[in-house]
Amino acid sequence: MYSFYFETKRVEKKLEYYRHVRKDIALKLERLMLDPRRALDAHPLSGKLQGCWSCWLGSNIRLLYVIDDLEKKIVVISVGDHTIY
């Protein structure tokens, strides 16, 4: 199982806000920890964001992250609507 880490405190607080507003996001994050490449329509990004992954958390909420397989980490870079790209 993977663990979440955050690039900044601001990103961590924003994800906590979404978890508070949308109770279903906690369950989705648990699924992502089990399989960060397949859960929640996860997909690798290309171009300037190559190496990053994105998934859908609900309505217009996206999660942008990097997967560290050696340390079993999901490093969250950003969370929000499509403007995070």
PDB file of N, CA and C in Angstrom:
ATOM      1  N   MET A   1       0.842  -1.173   0.000  1.00  0.00           N
ATOM      2  CA  MET A   1       0.000   0.000   0.000  1.00  0.00           C
ATOM      3  C   MET A   1       0.894   1.245   0.000  1.00  0.00           C
ATOM      4  N   TYR A   2       0.490   2.220  -0.770  1.00  0.00           N
ATOM      5  CA  TYR A   2       1.216   3.483  -0.879  1.00  0.00           C
ATOM      6  C   TYR A   2       0.718   4.467   0.185  1.00  0.00           C
ATOM      7  N   SER A   3       1.547   5.468   0.479  1.00  0.00           N
ATOM      8  CA  SER A   3       1.186   6.539   1.415  1.00  0.00           C
ATOM      9  C   SER A   3       1.219   7.870   0.679  1.00  0.00           C
ATOM     10  N   PHE A   4       0.431   8.814   1.162  1.00  0.00           N
ATOM     11  CA  PHE A   4       0.401  10.148   0.563  1.00  0.00           C
ATOM     12  C   PHE A   4       1.432  11.064   1.209  1.00  0.00           C
ATOM     13  N   TYR A   5       2.081  11.846   0.373  1.00  0.00           N
ATOM     14  CA  TYR A   5       2.972  12.923   0.788  1.00  0.00           C
ATOM     15  C   TYR A   5       2.582  14.129  -0.049  1.00  0.00           C
ATOM     16  N   PHE A   6       2.886  15.309   0.425  1.00  0.00           N
ATOM     17  CA  PHE A   6       2.437  16.520  -0.254  1.00  0.00           C
ATOM     18  C   PHE A   6       3.613  17.417  -0.590  1.00  0.00           C
ATOM     19  N   GLU A   7       3.579  17.971  -1.792  1.00  0.00           N
ATOM     20  CA  GLU A   7       4.646  18.858  -2.234  1.00  0.00           C
ATOM     21  C   GLU A   7       4.710  20.112  -1.361  1.00  0.00           C
ATOM     22  N   THR A   8       3.541  20.635  -0.959  1.00  0.00           N
ATOM     23  CA  THR A   8       3.486  21.817  -0.090  1.00  0.00           C
ATOM     24  C   THR A   8       2.355  21.666   0.914  1.00  0.00           C
ATOM     25  N   LYS A   9       2.414  22.460   1.967  1.00  0.00           N
ATOM     26  CA  LYS A   9       1.329  22.487   2.954  1.00  0.00           C
ATOM     27  C   LYS A   9       0.034  22.993   2.327  1.00  0.00           C
ATOM     28  N   ARG A  10       0.164  23.904   1.382  1.00  0.00           N
ATOM     29  CA  ARG A  10      -1.022  24.456   0.716  1.00  0.00           C
ATOM     30  C   ARG A  10      -1.801  23.353  -0.008  1.00  0.00           C
ATOM     31  N   VAL A  11      -1.083  22.472  -0.686  1.00  0.00           N
ATOM     32  CA  VAL A  11      -1.724  21.358  -1.389  1.00  0.00           C
ATOM     33  C   VAL A  11      -2.397  20.430  -0.378  1.00  0.00           C
ATOM     34  N   GLU A  12      -1.730  20.160   0.730  1.00  0.00           N
ATOM     35  CA  GLU A  12      -2.294  19.294   1.761  1.00  0.00           C
ATOM     36  C   GLU A  12      -3.591  19.895   2.324  1.00  0.00           C
ATOM     37  N   LYS A  13      -3.584  21.185   2.598  1.00  0.00           N
ATOM     38  CA  LYS A  13      -4.780  21.846   3.125  1.00  0.00           C
ATOM     39  C   LYS A  13      -5.920  21.852   2.120  1.00  0.00           C
ATOM     40  N   LYS A  14      -5.589  22.021   0.847  1.00  0.00           N
ATOM     41  CA  LYS A  14      -6.635  22.034  -0.178  1.00  0.00           C
ATOM     42  C   LYS A  14      -7.291  20.662  -0.297  1.00  0.00           C
ATOM     43  N   LEU A  15      -6.486  19.598  -0.236  1.00  0.00           N
ATOM     44  CA  LEU A  15      -7.058  18.257  -0.299  1.00  0.00           C
ATOM     45  C   LEU A  15      -7.905  17.982   0.947  1.00  0.00           C
ATOM     46  N   GLU A  16      -7.471  18.436   2.099  1.00  0.00           N
ATOM     47  CA  GLU A  16      -8.266  18.275   3.320  1.00  0.00           C
ATOM     48  C   GLU A  16      -9.602  19.008   3.204  1.00  0.00           C
ATOM     49  N   TYR A  17      -9.579  20.173   2.583  1.00  0.00           N
ATOM     50  CA  TYR A  17     -10.826  20.914   2.359  1.00  0.00           C
ATOM     51  C   TYR A  17     -11.785  20.085   1.504  1.00  0.00           C
ATOM     52  N   TYR A  18     -11.279  19.527   0.401  1.00  0.00           N
ATOM     53  CA  TYR A  18     -12.139  18.713  -0.469  1.00  0.00           C
ATOM     54  C   TYR A  18     -12.653  17.483   0.275  1.00  0.00           C
ATOM     55  N   ARG A  19     -11.823  16.872   1.105  1.00  0.00           N
ATOM     56  CA  ARG A  19     -12.257  15.702   1.875  1.00  0.00           C
ATOM     57  C   ARG A  19     -13.366  16.075   2.852  1.00  0.00           C
ATOM     58  N   HIS A  20     -13.310  17.269   3.384  1.00  0.00           N
ATOM     59  CA  HIS A  20     -14.337  17.731   4.316  1.00  0.00           C
ATOM     60  C   HIS A  20     -15.656  18.024   3.588  1.00  0.00           C
ATOM     61  N   VAL A  21     -15.559  18.624   2.428  1.00  0.00           N
ATOM     62  CA  VAL A  21     -16.738  19.006   1.648  1.00  0.00           C
ATOM     63  C   VAL A  21     -17.392  17.791   0.996  1.00  0.00           C
ATOM     64  N   ARG A  22     -16.574  16.873   0.509  1.00  0.00           N
ATOM     65  CA  ARG A  22     -17.079  15.684  -0.201  1.00  0.00           C
ATOM     66  C   ARG A  22     -16.640  14.432   0.540  1.00  0.00           C
ATOM     67  N   LYS A  23     -17.544  13.821   1.248  1.00  0.00           N
ATOM     68  CA  LYS A  23     -17.220  12.655   2.083  1.00  0.00           C
ATOM     69  C   LYS A  23     -16.769  11.447   1.263  1.00  0.00           C
ATOM     70  N   ASP A  24     -17.138  11.357  -0.006  1.00  0.00           N
ATOM     71  CA  ASP A  24     -16.758  10.218  -0.841  1.00  0.00           C
ATOM     72  C   ASP A  24     -15.282  10.248  -1.240  1.00  0.00           C
ATOM     73  N   ILE A  25     -14.628  11.373  -1.098  1.00  0.00           N
ATOM     74  CA  ILE A  25     -13.232  11.485  -1.522  1.00  0.00           C
ATOM     75  C   ILE A  25     -12.314  10.633  -0.647  1.00  0.00           C
ATOM     76  N   ALA A  26     -12.613  10.493   0.630  1.00  0.00           N
ATOM     77  CA  ALA A  26     -11.772   9.676   1.515  1.00  0.00           C
ATOM     78  C   ALA A  26     -11.688   8.236   1.010  1.00  0.00           C
ATOM     79  N   LEU A  27     -12.812   7.674   0.603  1.00  0.00           N
ATOM     80  CA  LEU A  27     -12.833   6.308   0.085  1.00  0.00           C
ATOM     81  C   LEU A  27     -12.054   6.221  -1.228  1.00  0.00           C
ATOM     82  N   LYS A  28     -12.191   7.223  -2.064  1.00  0.00           N
ATOM     83  CA  LYS A  28     -11.466   7.236  -3.337  1.00  0.00           C
ATOM     84  C   LYS A  28      -9.961   7.305  -3.103  1.00  0.00           C
ATOM     85  N   LEU A  29      -9.536   8.070  -2.124  1.00  0.00           N
ATOM     86  CA  LEU A  29      -8.102   8.151  -1.817  1.00  0.00           C
ATOM     87  C   LEU A  29      -7.572   6.822  -1.302  1.00  0.00           C
ATOM     88  N   GLU A  30      -8.385   6.097  -0.547  1.00  0.00           N
ATOM     89  CA  GLU A  30      -7.988   4.756  -0.088  1.00  0.00           C
ATOM     90  C   GLU A  30      -7.791   3.816  -1.271  1.00  0.00           C
ATOM     91  N   ARG A  31      -8.688   3.888  -2.238  1.00  0.00           N
ATOM     92  CA  ARG A  31      -8.550   3.056  -3.441  1.00  0.00           C
ATOM     93  C   ARG A  31      -7.280   3.416  -4.204  1.00  0.00           C
ATOM     94  N   LEU A  32      -6.964   4.704  -4.258  1.00  0.00           N
ATOM     95  CA  LEU A  32      -5.778   5.153  -4.957  1.00  0.00           C
ATOM     96  C   LEU A  32      -4.508   4.637  -4.271  1.00  0.00           C
ATOM     97  N   MET A  33      -4.517   4.560  -2.943  1.00  0.00           N
ATOM     98  CA  MET A  33      -3.349   4.051  -2.220  1.00  0.00           C
ATOM     99  C   MET A  33      -3.079   2.581  -2.548  1.00  0.00           C
ATOM    100  N   LEU A  34      -4.115   1.849  -2.893  1.00  0.00           N
ATOM    101  CA  LEU A  34      -3.947   0.436  -3.247  1.00  0.00           C
ATOM    102  C   LEU A  34      -3.384   0.252  -4.649  1.00  0.00           C
ATOM    103  N   ASP A  35      -3.780   1.114  -5.575  1.00  0.00           N
ATOM    104  CA  ASP A  35      -3.328   0.982  -6.964  1.00  0.00           C
ATOM    105  C   ASP A  35      -3.302   2.353  -7.640  1.00  0.00           C
ATOM    106  N   PRO A  36      -2.215   3.111  -7.468  1.00  0.00           N
ATOM    107  CA  PRO A  36      -2.180   4.484  -7.982  1.00  0.00           C
ATOM    108  C   PRO A  36      -2.146   4.605  -9.510  1.00  0.00           C
ATOM    109  N   ARG A  37      -1.973   3.494 -10.208  1.00  0.00           N
ATOM    110  CA  ARG A  37      -1.938   3.557 -11.674  1.00  0.00           C
ATOM    111  C   ARG A  37      -3.260   3.176 -12.331  1.00  0.00           C
ATOM    112  N   ARG A  38      -4.127   2.480 -11.620  1.00  0.00           N
ATOM    113  CA  ARG A  38      -5.364   2.015 -12.246  1.00  0.00           C
ATOM    114  C   ARG A  38      -6.625   2.568 -11.607  1.00  0.00           C
ATOM    115  N   ALA A  39      -6.569   2.920 -10.338  1.00  0.00           N
ATOM    116  CA  ALA A  39      -7.777   3.378  -9.642  1.00  0.00           C
ATOM    117  C   ALA A  39      -8.189   4.768 -10.130  1.00  0.00           C
ATOM    118  N   LEU A  40      -9.454   5.040 -10.089  1.00  0.00           N
ATOM    119  CA  LEU A  40     -10.030   6.372 -10.331  1.00  0.00           C
ATOM    120  C   LEU A  40      -9.690   6.942 -11.705  1.00  0.00           C
ATOM    121  N   ASP A  41      -9.647   6.103 -12.705  1.00  0.00           N
ATOM    122  CA  ASP A  41      -9.314   6.542 -14.066  1.00  0.00           C
ATOM    123  C   ASP A  41      -7.957   7.242 -14.129  1.00  0.00           C
ATOM    124  N   ALA A  42      -7.012   6.773 -13.323  1.00  0.00           N
ATOM    125  CA  ALA A  42      -5.668   7.363 -13.316  1.00  0.00           C
ATOM    126  C   ALA A  42      -5.021   7.208 -14.683  1.00  0.00           C
ATOM    127  N   HIS A  43      -4.267   8.217 -15.072  1.00  0.00           N
ATOM    128  CA  HIS A  43      -3.581   8.163 -16.350  1.00  0.00           C
ATOM    129  C   HIS A  43      -2.308   9.009 -16.291  1.00  0.00           C
ATOM    130  N   PRO A  44      -1.276   8.549 -17.010  1.00  0.00           N
ATOM    131  CA  PRO A  44      -0.035   9.325 -17.047  1.00  0.00           C
ATOM    132  C   PRO A  44      -0.215  10.552 -17.927  1.00  0.00           C
ATOM    133  N   LEU A  45       0.486  11.611 -17.583  1.00  0.00           N
ATOM    134  CA  LEU A  45       0.419  12.839 -18.367  1.00  0.00           C
ATOM    135  C   LEU A  45       1.624  12.922 -19.291  1.00  0.00           C
ATOM    136  N   SER A  46       1.519  13.778 -20.275  1.00  0.00           N
ATOM    137  CA  SER A  46       2.611  13.936 -21.236  1.00  0.00           C
ATOM    138  C   SER A  46       3.004  15.402 -21.327  1.00  0.00           C
ATOM    139  N   GLY A  47       3.947  15.685 -22.182  1.00  0.00           N
ATOM    140  CA  GLY A  47       4.393  17.062 -22.354  1.00  0.00           C
ATOM    141  C   GLY A  47       5.172  17.550 -21.157  1.00  0.00           C
ATOM    142  N   LYS A  48       4.905  18.779 -20.742  1.00  0.00           N
ATOM    143  CA  LYS A  48       5.653  19.361 -19.626  1.00  0.00           C
ATOM    144  C   LYS A  48       5.349  18.672 -18.293  1.00  0.00           C
ATOM    145  N   LEU A  49       4.275  17.881 -18.238  1.00  0.00           N
ATOM    146  CA  LEU A  49       3.928  17.151 -17.020  1.00  0.00           C
ATOM    147  C   LEU A  49       4.258  15.666 -17.117  1.00  0.00           C
ATOM    148  N   GLN A  50       5.106  15.301 -18.064  1.00  0.00           N
ATOM    149  CA  GLN A  50       5.510  13.907 -18.214  1.00  0.00           C
ATOM    150  C   GLN A  50       6.141  13.416 -16.915  1.00  0.00           C
ATOM    151  N   GLY A  51       5.774  12.230 -16.487  1.00  0.00           N
ATOM    152  CA  GLY A  51       6.230  11.687 -15.218  1.00  0.00           C
ATOM    153  C   GLY A  51       5.198  11.848 -14.115  1.00  0.00           C
ATOM    154  N   CYS A  52       4.205  12.696 -14.368  1.00  0.00           N
ATOM    155  CA  CYS A  52       3.113  12.910 -13.413  1.00  0.00           C
ATOM    156  C   CYS A  52       1.904  12.081 -13.823  1.00  0.00           C
ATOM    157  N   TRP A  53       1.055  11.846 -12.859  1.00  0.00           N
ATOM    158  CA  TRP A  53      -0.198  11.141 -13.077  1.00  0.00           C
ATOM    159  C   TRP A  53      -1.348  12.027 -12.644  1.00  0.00           C
ATOM    160  N   SER A  54      -2.521  11.749 -13.179  1.00  0.00           N
ATOM    161  CA  SER A  54      -3.718  12.483 -12.808  1.00  0.00           C
ATOM    162  C   SER A  54      -4.864  11.498 -12.624  1.00  0.00           C
ATOM    163  N   CYS A  55      -5.770  11.828 -11.708  1.00  0.00           N
ATOM    164  CA  CYS A  55      -6.976  11.018 -11.541  1.00  0.00           C
ATOM    165  C   CYS A  55      -8.134  11.927 -11.171  1.00  0.00           C
ATOM    166  N   TRP A  56      -9.318  11.358 -11.252  1.00  0.00           N
ATOM    167  CA  TRP A  56     -10.567  12.067 -11.017  1.00  0.00           C
ATOM    168  C   TRP A  56     -11.063  11.747  -9.616  1.00  0.00           C
ATOM    169  N   LEU A  57     -11.334  12.789  -8.799  1.00  0.00           N
ATOM    170  CA  LEU A  57     -11.862  12.585  -7.449  1.00  0.00           C
ATOM    171  C   LEU A  57     -13.356  12.885  -7.347  1.00  0.00           C
ATOM    172  N   GLY A  58     -13.944  13.397  -8.402  1.00  0.00           N
ATOM    173  CA  GLY A  58     -15.368  13.691  -8.387  1.00  0.00           C
ATOM    174  C   GLY A  58     -15.652  15.043  -8.986  1.00  0.00           C
ATOM    175  N   SER A  59     -16.806  15.183  -9.542  1.00  0.00           N
ATOM    176  CA  SER A  59     -17.263  16.375 -10.257  1.00  0.00           C
ATOM    177  C   SER A  59     -16.120  16.979 -11.053  1.00  0.00           C
ATOM    178  N   ASN A  60     -15.591  18.085 -10.627  1.00  0.00           N
ATOM    179  CA  ASN A  60     -14.540  18.758 -11.387  1.00  0.00           C
ATOM    180  C   ASN A  60     -13.202  18.737 -10.631  1.00  0.00           C
ATOM    181  N   ILE A  61     -13.010  17.772  -9.749  1.00  0.00           N
ATOM    182  CA  ILE A  61     -11.812  17.727  -8.909  1.00  0.00           C
ATOM    183  C   ILE A  61     -10.819  16.715  -9.462  1.00  0.00           C
ATOM    184  N   ARG A  62      -9.616  17.187  -9.729  1.00  0.00           N
ATOM    185  CA  ARG A  62      -8.533  16.348 -10.233  1.00  0.00           C
ATOM    186  C   ARG A  62      -7.392  16.334  -9.223  1.00  0.00           C
ATOM    187  N   LEU A  63      -6.646  15.221  -9.212  1.00  0.00           N
ATOM    188  CA  LEU A  63      -5.473  15.086  -8.361  1.00  0.00           C
ATOM    189  C   LEU A  63      -4.273  14.865  -9.269  1.00  0.00           C
ATOM    190  N   LEU A  64      -3.240  15.664  -9.107  1.00  0.00           N
ATOM    191  CA  LEU A  64      -2.006  15.567  -9.882  1.00  0.00           C
ATOM    192  C   LEU A  64      -0.930  15.054  -8.942  1.00  0.00           C
ATOM    193  N   TYR A  65      -0.260  13.945  -9.326  1.00  0.00           N
ATOM    194  CA  TYR A  65       0.689  13.324  -8.407  1.00  0.00           C
ATOM    195  C   TYR A  65       1.810  12.599  -9.150  1.00  0.00           C
ATOM    196  N   VAL A  66       2.841  12.259  -8.374  1.00  0.00           N
ATOM    197  CA  VAL A  66       3.976  11.476  -8.862  1.00  0.00           C
ATOM    198  C   VAL A  66       4.028  10.210  -8.019  1.00  0.00           C
ATOM    199  N   ILE A  67       4.350   9.097  -8.658  1.00  0.00           N
ATOM    200  CA  ILE A  67       4.413   7.814  -7.956  1.00  0.00           C
ATOM    201  C   ILE A  67       5.875   7.452  -7.717  1.00  0.00           C
ATOM    202  N   ASP A  68       6.213   7.157  -6.459  1.00  0.00           N
ATOM    203  CA  ASP A  68       7.547   6.684  -6.086  1.00  0.00           C
ATOM    204  C   ASP A  68       7.401   5.230  -5.650  1.00  0.00           C
ATOM    205  N   ASP A  69       7.708   4.307  -6.572  1.00  0.00           N
ATOM    206  CA  ASP A  69       7.520   2.889  -6.292  1.00  0.00           C
ATOM    207  C   ASP A  69       8.512   2.355  -5.254  1.00  0.00           C
ATOM    208  N   LEU A  70       9.713   2.890  -5.232  1.00  0.00           N
ATOM    209  CA  LEU A  70      10.716   2.395  -4.284  1.00  0.00           C
ATOM    210  C   LEU A  70      10.306   2.644  -2.838  1.00  0.00           C
ATOM    211  N   GLU A  71       9.746   3.806  -2.575  1.00  0.00           N
ATOM    212  CA  GLU A  71       9.360   4.158  -1.210  1.00  0.00           C
ATOM    213  C   GLU A  71       7.861   4.043  -0.982  1.00  0.00           C
ATOM    214  N   LYS A  72       7.135   3.567  -1.999  1.00  0.00           N
ATOM    215  CA  LYS A  72       5.677   3.401  -1.916  1.00  0.00           C
ATOM    216  C   LYS A  72       4.999   4.712  -1.524  1.00  0.00           C
ATOM    217  N   LYS A  73       5.335   5.789  -2.251  1.00  0.00           N
ATOM    218  CA  LYS A  73       4.779   7.108  -1.980  1.00  0.00           C
ATOM    219  C   LYS A  73       3.966   7.610  -3.168  1.00  0.00           C
ATOM    220  N   ILE A  74       2.905   8.318  -2.856  1.00  0.00           N
ATOM    221  CA  ILE A  74       2.160   9.116  -3.830  1.00  0.00           C
ATOM    222  C   ILE A  74       2.399  10.561  -3.411  1.00  0.00           C
ATOM    223  N   VAL A  75       3.176  11.280  -4.200  1.00  0.00           N
ATOM    224  CA  VAL A  75       3.496  12.665  -3.883  1.00  0.00           C
ATOM    225  C   VAL A  75       2.501  13.560  -4.613  1.00  0.00           C
ATOM    226  N   VAL A  76       1.616  14.190  -3.853  1.00  0.00           N
ATOM    227  CA  VAL A  76       0.569  15.033  -4.426  1.00  0.00           C
ATOM    228  C   VAL A  76       1.163  16.396  -4.766  1.00  0.00           C
ATOM    229  N   ILE A  77       1.060  16.757  -6.035  1.00  0.00           N
ATOM    230  CA  ILE A  77       1.607  18.024  -6.514  1.00  0.00           C
ATOM    231  C   ILE A  77       0.541  19.116  -6.510  1.00  0.00           C
ATOM    232  N   SER A  78      -0.677  18.745  -6.899  1.00  0.00           N
ATOM    233  CA  SER A  78      -1.751  19.727  -6.950  1.00  0.00           C
ATOM    234  C   SER A  78      -3.099  19.017  -6.906  1.00  0.00           C
ATOM    235  N   VAL A  79      -4.103  19.765  -6.483  1.00  0.00           N
ATOM    236  CA  VAL A  79      -5.475  19.260  -6.491  1.00  0.00           C
ATOM    237  C   VAL A  79      -6.387  20.440  -6.822  1.00  0.00           C
ATOM    238  N   GLY A  80      -7.387  20.170  -7.654  1.00  0.00           N
ATOM    239  CA  GLY A  80      -8.316  21.223  -8.048  1.00  0.00           C
ATOM    240  C   GLY A  80      -8.984  20.908  -9.362  1.00  0.00           C
ATOM    241  N   ASP A  81      -9.499  21.935 -10.033  1.00  0.00           N
ATOM    242  CA  ASP A  81     -10.155  21.705 -11.326  1.00  0.00           C
ATOM    243  C   ASP A  81      -9.090  21.612 -12.433  1.00  0.00           C
ATOM    244  N   HIS A  82      -9.512  21.610 -13.671  1.00  0.00           N
ATOM    245  CA  HIS A  82      -8.579  21.410 -14.786  1.00  0.00           C
ATOM    246  C   HIS A  82      -7.507  22.511 -14.910  1.00  0.00           C
ATOM    247  N   THR A  83      -7.644  23.599 -14.197  1.00  0.00           N
ATOM    248  CA  THR A  83      -6.624  24.636 -14.266  1.00  0.00           C
ATOM    249  C   THR A  83      -5.323  24.213 -13.607  1.00  0.00           C
ATOM    250  N   ILE A  84      -5.305  23.076 -12.891  1.00  0.00           N
ATOM    251  CA  ILE A  84      -4.056  22.624 -12.268  1.00  0.00           C
ATOM    252  C   ILE A  84      -3.049  22.146 -13.303  1.00  0.00           C
ATOM    253  N   TYR A  85      -3.524  21.869 -14.518  1.00  0.00           N
ATOM    254  CA  TYR A  85      -2.620  21.419 -15.567  1.00  0.00           C
ATOM    255  C   TYR A  85      -1.955  22.627 -16.173  1.00  0.00           C
TER     256      TYR A  85
END
